[in-house]
């Protein structure tokens, strides 16, 4: 029997359905108390072997924000070139809100992860999977609090690690734009921009064996 009543269960499903990858932000600050609450939600994520590989860097320095933005812009241009026939279409997309959002976080995988063998001997990438769970926790908690969040992955990891003085073995996996928004997108932005559509669930669920 569930420990949650119907309204509590409905709220969980609603926040999952209404989570959006946001790119448009208001400059309003996020209170330290709220940010701490969101990071605590992230830290409650599951992790393989209880390794807790996530590390969060809050970017408070405005000049550093601009340097991160420059790294993202360089990769945005390189990505556009790699997309060939969709280059112009991609360049019209807004892919980040680094300079506008109230808070900017960088999520990284900790150094020394090779010491964690439990659950990773044949699947070493489970450190990334675990950190992704933390990011999703933060995303859902932010949505419930009325804050938008956008996951930016357009950057050179080595250059960002150097910029943030990460130790050898640590690796950045996400730049997170977090803050208040004028409105949440009614549908995922890339659907609205006709970049892609959600794949029907029934084509992704198999039974017993992989179905082509």
Protein backbone atom coordinates (compact mmCIF):
# COMPACT_ATOMS: atom_id res chain seq x y z
CA UNK A 1 0.00 0.00 0.00
CA UNK A 2 1.31 3.46 -0.91
CA UNK A 3 2.39 5.87 1.83
CA UNK A 4 1.28 8.78 -0.38
CA UNK A 5 -2.27 10.00 -0.80
CA UNK A 6 -3.81 10.64 -4.22
CA UNK A 7 -3.02 14.37 -4.28
CA UNK A 8 0.61 13.73 -3.34
CA UNK A 9 0.97 11.10 -6.06
CA UNK A 10 -0.66 13.42 -8.59
CA UNK A 11 1.82 16.18 -7.66
CA UNK A 12 4.76 13.86 -8.37
CA UNK A 13 3.44 12.89 -11.78
CA UNK A 14 2.60 16.53 -12.54
CA UNK A 15 6.08 17.84 -11.79
CA UNK A 16 7.58 15.10 -13.96
CA UNK A 17 5.25 15.96 -16.84
CA UNK A 18 5.75 19.72 -16.53
CA UNK A 19 9.54 19.74 -16.15
CA UNK A 20 11.11 21.70 -18.98
CA UNK A 21 14.63 22.31 -20.26
CA UNK A 22 14.50 26.10 -19.93
CA UNK A 23 16.54 28.60 -21.94
CA UNK A 24 14.80 31.89 -21.08
CA UNK A 25 15.28 33.30 -17.58
CA UNK A 26 14.56 36.33 -15.44
CA UNK A 27 17.54 37.86 -13.60
CA UNK A 28 15.82 37.61 -10.17
CA UNK A 29 18.14 36.10 -7.54
CA UNK A 30 17.52 32.71 -5.97
CA UNK A 31 17.65 32.81 -2.18
CA UNK A 32 20.48 30.89 -0.48
CA UNK A 33 17.91 28.90 1.48
CA UNK A 34 16.12 27.75 -1.65
CA UNK A 35 19.37 26.89 -3.42
CA UNK A 36 20.48 24.84 -0.42
CA UNK A 37 17.15 22.99 -0.45
CA UNK A 38 17.52 22.17 -4.14
CA UNK A 39 21.08 20.95 -3.72
CA UNK A 40 20.00 18.77 -0.81
CA UNK A 41 17.36 17.22 -3.09
CA UNK A 42 20.10 16.53 -5.64
CA UNK A 43 22.29 14.97 -2.96
CA UNK A 44 19.51 12.52 -2.03
CA UNK A 45 19.80 10.87 -5.44
CA UNK A 46 20.60 7.17 -5.71
CA UNK A 47 24.11 6.20 -6.73
CA UNK A 48 25.67 2.90 -7.75
CA UNK A 49 27.64 1.45 -4.83
CA UNK A 50 26.63 4.57 -2.87
CA UNK A 51 29.60 6.30 -4.48
CA UNK A 52 27.92 9.76 -4.66
CA UNK A 53 30.15 10.93 -7.52
CA UNK A 54 28.52 14.33 -8.02
CA UNK A 55 30.23 17.62 -7.21
CA UNK A 56 28.55 21.02 -7.59
CA UNK A 57 30.36 24.27 -8.30
CA UNK A 58 28.32 27.44 -7.85
CA UNK A 59 29.55 30.15 -10.22
CA UNK A 60 29.34 33.42 -8.28
CA UNK A 61 31.94 35.42 -10.20
CA UNK A 62 30.40 37.34 -13.11
CA UNK A 63 33.61 37.33 -15.14
CA UNK A 64 33.78 33.56 -14.78
CA UNK A 65 30.23 33.33 -16.11
CA UNK A 66 31.31 35.18 -19.22
CA UNK A 67 34.26 32.82 -19.67
CA UNK A 68 31.96 29.80 -19.42
CA UNK A 69 29.58 31.46 -21.86
CA UNK A 70 32.47 31.91 -24.31
CA UNK A 71 33.32 28.20 -24.07
CA UNK A 72 29.70 27.29 -24.76
CA UNK A 73 29.47 29.72 -27.67
CA UNK A 74 32.59 28.21 -29.26
CA UNK A 75 31.11 24.73 -29.04
CA UNK A 76 27.74 25.97 -30.29
CA UNK A 77 29.41 27.18 -33.49
CA UNK A 78 31.39 23.94 -33.85
CA UNK A 79 28.22 21.89 -33.33
CA UNK A 80 26.38 23.92 -35.95
CA UNK A 81 29.13 23.19 -38.48
CA UNK A 82 28.95 19.48 -37.67
CA UNK A 83 25.20 19.45 -38.30
CA UNK A 84 25.71 20.23 -42.00
CA UNK A 85 22.27 20.76 -43.56
CA UNK A 86 20.71 21.70 -40.21
CA UNK A 87 23.39 24.30 -39.38
CA UNK A 88 21.23 27.37 -39.97
CA UNK A 89 18.29 25.83 -38.15
CA UNK A 90 20.49 25.02 -35.14
CA UNK A 91 22.00 28.51 -35.01
CA UNK A 92 18.50 29.96 -34.66
CA UNK A 93 17.87 27.92 -31.49
CA UNK A 94 18.49 29.42 -28.08
CA UNK A 95 20.59 26.76 -26.39
CA UNK A 96 21.51 28.36 -23.06
CA UNK A 97 20.71 31.13 -20.58
CA UNK A 98 24.08 31.43 -18.89
CA UNK A 99 24.21 35.23 -18.71
CA UNK A 100 20.56 35.68 -17.74
CA UNK A 101 19.77 33.03 -15.09
CA UNK A 102 19.76 33.75 -11.36
CA UNK A 103 22.16 30.91 -10.52
CA UNK A 104 24.74 29.03 -12.55
CA UNK A 105 26.02 25.62 -11.43
CA UNK A 106 28.57 23.27 -12.92
CA UNK A 107 28.11 19.60 -12.12
CA UNK A 108 31.21 17.43 -12.24
CA UNK A 109 32.21 13.85 -11.60
CA UNK A 110 34.63 13.56 -8.70
CA UNK A 111 38.21 12.43 -9.07
CA UNK A 112 39.18 9.06 -7.63
CA UNK A 113 36.13 7.32 -9.07
CA UNK A 114 38.22 4.37 -10.24
CA UNK A 115 38.36 3.25 -6.59
CA UNK A 116 34.63 2.43 -6.71
CA UNK A 117 34.27 -1.06 -8.17
CA UNK A 118 30.87 -2.02 -6.68
CA UNK A 119 28.44 -1.89 -9.62
CA UNK A 120 31.05 -0.46 -11.98
CA UNK A 121 33.41 -3.33 -12.77
CA UNK A 122 31.71 -4.03 -16.11
CA UNK A 123 29.78 -0.74 -16.35
CA UNK A 124 32.22 2.04 -15.37
CA UNK A 125 29.86 4.66 -16.84
CA UNK A 126 27.51 4.16 -13.88
CA UNK A 127 29.21 7.13 -12.20
CA UNK A 128 27.74 9.31 -14.95
CA UNK A 129 24.37 7.61 -14.59
CA UNK A 130 24.41 8.28 -10.85
CA UNK A 131 25.28 11.96 -11.28
CA UNK A 132 22.49 12.25 -13.85
CA UNK A 133 20.05 11.06 -11.19
CA UNK A 134 21.22 13.92 -8.96
CA UNK A 135 20.67 16.40 -11.77
CA UNK A 136 17.16 15.05 -12.36
CA UNK A 137 16.36 15.36 -8.64
CA UNK A 138 17.47 18.99 -8.73
CA UNK A 139 15.45 19.60 -11.91
CA UNK A 140 12.21 18.21 -10.48
CA UNK A 141 12.65 19.99 -7.15
CA UNK A 142 13.31 23.26 -8.99
CA UNK A 143 10.15 22.84 -11.05
CA UNK A 144 8.12 22.18 -7.90
CA UNK A 145 9.57 25.39 -6.40
CA UNK A 146 8.66 27.38 -9.51
CA UNK A 147 12.20 27.67 -10.85
CA UNK A 148 13.32 26.77 -14.34
CA UNK A 149 16.46 24.83 -15.11
CA UNK A 150 18.38 24.18 -18.31
CA UNK A 151 21.08 21.56 -18.83
CA UNK A 152 23.84 22.85 -21.11
CA UNK A 153 26.28 20.29 -22.50
CA UNK A 154 27.85 22.37 -25.27
CA UNK A 155 31.39 22.81 -23.96
CA UNK A 156 34.84 21.28 -24.14
CA UNK A 157 35.18 19.31 -20.85
CA UNK A 158 38.96 19.68 -20.67
CA UNK A 159 38.80 23.46 -21.12
CA UNK A 160 36.03 23.87 -18.56
CA UNK A 161 37.88 21.66 -16.08
CA UNK A 162 40.99 23.80 -16.52
CA UNK A 163 39.01 27.02 -16.15
CA UNK A 164 37.49 25.80 -12.86
CA UNK A 165 40.79 24.35 -11.59
CA UNK A 166 39.44 20.83 -11.19
CA UNK A 167 41.88 18.16 -9.98
CA UNK A 168 43.11 15.47 -12.40
CA UNK A 169 40.42 12.85 -12.93
CA UNK A 170 37.49 15.17 -12.23
CA UNK A 171 35.26 15.86 -15.21
CA UNK A 172 32.49 18.43 -15.79
CA UNK A 173 29.30 16.93 -17.23
CA UNK A 174 26.79 19.78 -17.08
CA UNK A 175 26.40 23.53 -16.90
CA UNK A 176 23.06 24.15 -15.20
CA UNK A 177 21.19 27.41 -15.69
CA UNK A 178 18.80 27.84 -12.76
CA UNK A 179 16.37 30.62 -11.97
CA UNK A 180 12.97 32.20 -12.21
CA UNK A 181 11.22 32.34 -15.56
CA UNK A 182 8.41 34.42 -17.01
CA UNK A 183 6.58 31.23 -18.00
CA UNK A 184 7.35 27.57 -18.48
CA UNK A 185 7.18 26.30 -22.04
CA UNK A 186 3.84 24.53 -22.67
CA UNK A 187 5.77 21.77 -24.46
CA UNK A 188 9.48 20.92 -24.72
CA UNK A 189 11.17 23.77 -26.56
CA UNK A 190 12.71 21.52 -29.22
CA UNK A 191 9.24 20.20 -30.02
CA UNK A 192 7.94 23.76 -30.29
CA UNK A 193 10.84 24.64 -32.59
CA UNK A 194 10.15 21.54 -34.72
CA UNK A 195 13.62 20.15 -34.04
CA UNK A 196 12.32 16.77 -32.88
CA UNK A 197 9.20 15.04 -31.55
CA UNK A 198 8.75 12.76 -28.57
CA UNK A 199 9.07 9.13 -29.61
CA UNK A 200 5.90 7.10 -28.91
CA UNK A 201 6.44 5.03 -25.77
CA UNK A 202 5.04 1.85 -27.32
CA UNK A 203 7.92 1.80 -29.82
CA UNK A 204 10.49 1.85 -26.98
CA UNK A 205 9.11 -0.88 -24.70
CA UNK A 206 9.93 -4.49 -25.59
CA UNK A 207 9.12 -7.80 -23.94
CA UNK A 208 11.65 -10.60 -23.48
CA UNK A 209 13.81 -9.63 -26.46
CA UNK A 210 14.79 -6.59 -28.53
CA UNK A 211 12.21 -5.88 -31.21
CA UNK A 212 13.28 -4.00 -34.34
